[in-house]
Amino acid sequence: MSVIVVGGMIGLGKSSVSKILGEALDSEVFYESVDDNPILPLFYTASEEEIQAKRYPFLLQLHFLDTRFKSIKEALGSNKNVLDRSIYEDWYFAKVNKDLGRISALEFQVYENLLNNMMEELDELPKKAPDLMIYLKSSFETVLYRIGLRGRDFEQDTSLIDYYKTLWEGYDEWLFNHYKASQVLVVDMDRLDVVNNPEDAEQVVQEVKQTLNEMGIN
């Protein structure tokens, strides 16, 4: 039995891959809070002045931390689940927004303290961490193409391109140098389209099953 997290850049298909894996592995899927997220559209559409006044980046990360913690407690309480993005990546997004000056040093300290307290609570659960991260990786051109393809209005403004680029440029470094919670399986989304090509979806499923088998997890 396994707990899997699906991670990677915005727009690359985490929810789709999570759904496919949930069906193939007969696992429950815990999706990221997007459609029911009241802060996300405000975060993407606010001006810099509004961001500084309303503190949307900080509020957004707190919202994700709250909803993610609820999901991860339920997922790690048993031993066969798929999580759409991980609580570990939430820290990376918060750190990027701090580096960009959109989250203050004090807000980031509050965020980290809360995150650390939450992670200590996970130590009491049957599983303390996921078994495997499926990391969706691609070129920046593919990221922009996929974001445009899924068509969420609040993600489309060209002023967001620099933000997406900053996230993309640091993602590999965070994953390979800072993420230690589980083994990682990298999936090349430049050549795979799991939404429109069933063969690509099946390839991802088989790669995941093979990796779990090599790890001794059924």
Protein backbone atom coordinates (compact mmCIF):
# COMPACT_ATOMS: atom_id res chain seq x y z
CA MET A 1 0.00 0.00 0.00
CA SER A 2 1.26 3.51 -0.74
CA VAL A 3 0.78 7.22 -0.21
CA ILE A 4 1.77 9.22 -3.28
CA VAL A 5 2.05 12.98 -3.80
CA VAL A 6 1.98 14.54 -7.25
CA GLY A 7 4.02 17.73 -7.52
CA GLY A 8 5.36 20.20 -10.02
CA MET A 9 4.76 23.53 -11.66
CA ILE A 10 1.38 25.18 -12.05
CA GLY A 11 -0.53 23.92 -15.09
CA LEU A 12 1.38 20.70 -15.78
CA GLY A 13 -1.47 18.35 -14.92
CA LYS A 14 -1.13 17.41 -11.24
CA SER A 15 -4.86 16.97 -10.79
CA SER A 16 -5.15 14.91 -13.97
CA VAL A 17 -2.23 12.65 -13.01
CA SER A 18 -3.64 12.31 -9.49
CA LYS A 19 -7.02 11.26 -10.90
CA ILE A 20 -5.42 8.73 -13.26
CA LEU A 21 -3.30 7.23 -10.47
CA GLY A 22 -6.23 7.13 -8.07
CA GLU A 23 -8.26 5.11 -10.57
CA ALA A 24 -5.37 2.82 -11.53
CA LEU A 25 -4.29 2.13 -7.95
CA ASP A 26 -7.80 2.09 -6.48
CA SER A 27 -6.80 4.90 -4.15
CA GLU A 28 -8.64 7.90 -2.79
CA VAL A 29 -7.46 11.23 -4.24
CA PHE A 30 -7.14 14.44 -2.23
CA TYR A 31 -7.23 17.42 -4.59
CA GLU A 32 -5.69 20.83 -4.08
CA SER A 33 -8.14 23.53 -2.99
CA VAL A 34 -8.56 25.56 -6.20
CA ASP A 35 -12.19 25.82 -7.35
CA ASP A 36 -13.38 26.41 -3.77
CA ASN A 37 -10.50 28.75 -2.89
CA PRO A 38 -11.76 32.30 -2.26
CA ILE A 39 -8.29 33.86 -2.19
CA LEU A 40 -6.66 32.35 -5.30
CA PRO A 41 -8.40 34.60 -7.89
CA LEU A 42 -7.60 37.67 -5.76
CA PHE A 43 -3.95 36.62 -5.53
CA TYR A 44 -3.64 36.39 -9.31
CA THR A 45 -5.60 39.50 -10.27
CA ALA A 46 -4.57 42.00 -7.58
CA SER A 47 -2.26 44.88 -8.35
CA GLU A 48 1.02 45.18 -6.45
CA GLU A 49 -0.59 47.92 -4.36
CA GLU A 50 -3.51 45.65 -3.47
CA ILE A 51 -1.14 42.79 -2.70
CA GLN A 52 0.79 44.96 -0.24
CA ALA A 53 -2.39 46.31 1.37
CA LYS A 54 -4.47 43.10 1.48
CA ARG A 55 -1.61 40.59 2.04
CA TYR A 56 -3.14 38.11 -0.40
CA PRO A 57 0.04 36.00 -0.84
CA PHE A 58 0.27 35.41 2.93
CA LEU A 59 -3.44 34.66 3.22
CA LEU A 60 -3.27 32.30 0.25
CA GLN A 61 -0.41 30.29 1.75
CA LEU A 62 -2.25 30.05 5.06
CA HIS A 63 -5.34 28.82 3.23
CA PHE A 64 -3.35 26.17 1.36
CA LEU A 65 -1.59 25.13 4.56
CA ASP A 66 -4.91 24.73 6.36
CA THR A 67 -6.63 22.72 3.61
CA ARG A 68 -3.50 20.68 2.85
CA PHE A 69 -3.03 19.74 6.48
CA LYS A 70 -6.60 18.47 6.68
CA SER A 71 -6.03 16.34 3.57
CA ILE A 72 -2.64 15.01 4.59
CA LYS A 73 -3.90 13.98 8.05
CA GLU A 74 -6.65 11.96 6.44
CA ALA A 75 -4.36 10.55 3.73
CA LEU A 76 -1.56 9.53 6.08
CA GLY A 77 -4.05 8.07 8.52
CA SER A 78 -4.44 5.14 6.14
CA ASN A 79 -1.95 3.75 3.65
CA LYS A 80 -3.33 4.02 0.13
CA ASN A 81 -3.94 7.54 -1.09
CA VAL A 82 -2.89 10.08 -3.71
CA LEU A 83 -2.34 13.75 -2.84
CA ASP A 84 -2.53 16.52 -5.46
CA ARG A 85 0.54 18.56 -4.45
CA SER A 86 2.35 18.20 -1.14
CA ILE A 87 2.56 20.25 2.02
CA TYR A 88 6.33 20.38 1.40
CA GLU A 89 5.82 22.34 -1.83
CA ASP A 90 3.65 24.86 -0.03
CA TRP A 91 6.80 26.00 1.80
CA TYR A 92 8.56 26.53 -1.54
CA PHE A 93 5.73 28.74 -2.85
CA ALA A 94 5.76 30.75 0.38
CA LYS A 95 9.55 31.15 0.16
CA VAL A 96 9.37 32.40 -3.44
CA ASN A 97 6.76 34.98 -2.47
CA LYS A 98 8.94 36.09 0.45
CA ASP A 99 11.93 36.47 -1.87
CA LEU A 100 9.75 38.55 -4.21
CA GLY A 101 8.77 40.84 -1.33
CA ARG A 102 5.13 39.78 -1.43
CA ILE A 103 5.32 38.03 1.95
CA SER A 104 7.17 39.85 4.71
CA ALA A 105 9.94 38.27 6.79
CA LEU A 106 7.65 38.34 9.85
CA GLU A 107 4.79 36.70 7.93
CA PHE A 108 7.15 34.01 6.67
CA GLN A 109 8.37 33.36 10.22
CA VAL A 110 4.76 32.95 11.38
CA TYR A 111 4.10 30.65 8.42
CA GLU A 112 7.16 28.49 9.11
CA ASN A 113 6.34 28.21 12.81
CA LEU A 114 2.83 27.06 11.98
CA LEU A 115 4.10 24.62 9.36
CA ASN A 116 6.67 23.17 11.79
CA ASN A 117 3.98 22.69 14.44
CA MET A 118 1.79 20.91 11.90
CA MET A 119 4.61 18.64 10.79
CA GLU A 120 5.24 17.65 14.41
CA GLU A 121 1.59 16.58 14.64
CA LEU A 122 2.10 14.26 11.66
CA ASP A 123 4.59 12.26 13.71
CA GLU A 124 1.64 10.77 15.58
CA LEU A 125 0.03 9.32 12.44
CA PRO A 126 0.55 5.75 11.11
CA LYS A 127 2.55 7.23 8.23
CA LYS A 128 4.74 10.26 8.79
CA ALA A 129 5.45 11.07 5.14
CA PRO A 130 4.51 9.99 1.62
CA ASP A 131 6.20 7.01 0.04
CA LEU A 132 6.73 8.59 -3.38
CA MET A 133 6.55 11.95 -5.09
CA ILE A 134 5.64 12.04 -8.78
CA TYR A 135 7.40 15.19 -9.99
CA LEU A 136 5.99 16.65 -13.22
CA LYS A 137 8.84 18.42 -15.02
CA SER A 138 8.89 20.40 -18.27
CA SER A 139 10.34 23.34 -20.15
CA PHE A 140 8.98 26.80 -19.32
CA GLU A 141 7.35 26.95 -22.75
CA THR A 142 5.31 23.85 -21.91
CA VAL A 143 4.28 25.39 -18.58
CA LEU A 144 2.93 28.50 -20.30
CA TYR A 145 1.23 26.45 -23.00
CA ARG A 146 -0.52 24.20 -20.48
CA ILE A 147 -1.61 27.16 -18.32
CA GLY A 148 -3.13 28.76 -21.40
CA LEU A 149 -4.72 25.50 -22.49
CA ARG A 150 -6.67 24.95 -19.28
CA GLY A 151 -8.05 28.46 -19.56
CA ARG A 152 -8.52 29.70 -16.01
CA ASP A 153 -9.12 33.41 -16.57
CA PHE A 154 -7.27 34.58 -13.48
CA GLU A 155 -4.09 32.72 -14.55
CA GLN A 156 -3.85 34.21 -18.04
CA ASP A 157 -2.65 37.79 -17.49
CA THR A 158 0.74 38.34 -19.14
CA SER A 159 1.92 40.19 -16.03
CA LEU A 160 2.08 36.79 -14.31
CA ILE A 161 4.72 35.40 -16.66
CA ASP A 162 7.62 36.69 -14.56
CA TYR A 163 6.09 35.09 -11.47
CA TYR A 164 5.67 31.76 -13.24
CA LYS A 165 9.25 31.98 -14.52
CA THR A 166 10.61 32.59 -11.02
CA LEU A 167 8.72 29.58 -9.65
CA TRP A 168 9.87 27.39 -12.54
CA GLU A 169 13.53 28.44 -12.30
CA GLY A 170 13.83 27.39 -8.66
CA TYR A 171 11.63 24.30 -8.62
CA ASP A 172 14.28 21.73 -9.57
CA GLU A 173 16.75 23.17 -7.08
CA TRP A 174 14.16 22.94 -4.28
CA LEU A 175 13.18 19.39 -5.21
CA PHE A 176 16.62 17.87 -5.63
CA ASN A 177 18.40 19.77 -2.85
CA HIS A 178 15.73 20.31 -0.19
CA TYR A 179 12.95 17.74 -0.55
CA LYS A 180 13.86 14.72 1.60
CA ALA A 181 10.47 13.28 2.56
CA SER A 182 10.32 10.49 -0.01
CA GLN A 183 11.72 8.97 -3.16
CA VAL A 184 11.04 10.95 -6.34
CA LEU A 185 9.92 9.78 -9.78
CA VAL A 186 10.42 12.45 -12.47
CA VAL A 187 7.89 12.48 -15.31
CA ASP A 188 8.76 14.40 -18.49
CA MET A 189 5.69 16.47 -19.37
CA ASP A 190 7.34 17.91 -22.49
CA ARG A 191 6.75 14.59 -24.22
CA LEU A 192 3.68 13.26 -22.37
CA ASP A 193 0.08 14.47 -22.59
CA VAL A 194 -1.86 12.45 -20.04
CA VAL A 195 -5.09 14.36 -20.65
CA ASN A 196 -5.44 13.80 -24.39
CA ASN A 197 -3.36 10.68 -24.97
CA PRO A 198 -4.43 7.49 -23.13
CA GLU A 199 -1.13 5.82 -24.03
CA ASP A 200 0.77 8.57 -22.22
CA ALA A 201 -1.49 8.19 -19.20
CA GLU A 202 -0.91 4.46 -19.14
CA GLN A 203 2.85 4.99 -19.41
CA VAL A 204 2.80 7.13 -16.27
CA VAL A 205 0.74 4.50 -14.45
CA GLN A 206 3.20 1.75 -15.40
CA GLU A 207 6.21 3.85 -14.38
CA VAL A 208 4.64 4.49 -10.99
CA LYS A 209 3.72 0.83 -10.48
CA GLN A 210 7.23 -0.25 -11.44
CA THR A 211 8.79 2.27 -9.05
CA LEU A 212 6.52 1.15 -6.19
CA ASN A 213 7.36 -2.46 -6.95
CA GLU A 214 11.09 -1.71 -6.87
CA MET A 215 10.53 -0.01 -3.51
CA GLY A 216 8.81 -3.15 -2.23
CA ILE A 217 5.41 -1.45 -1.99
CA ASN A 218 2.31 -3.14 -3.35
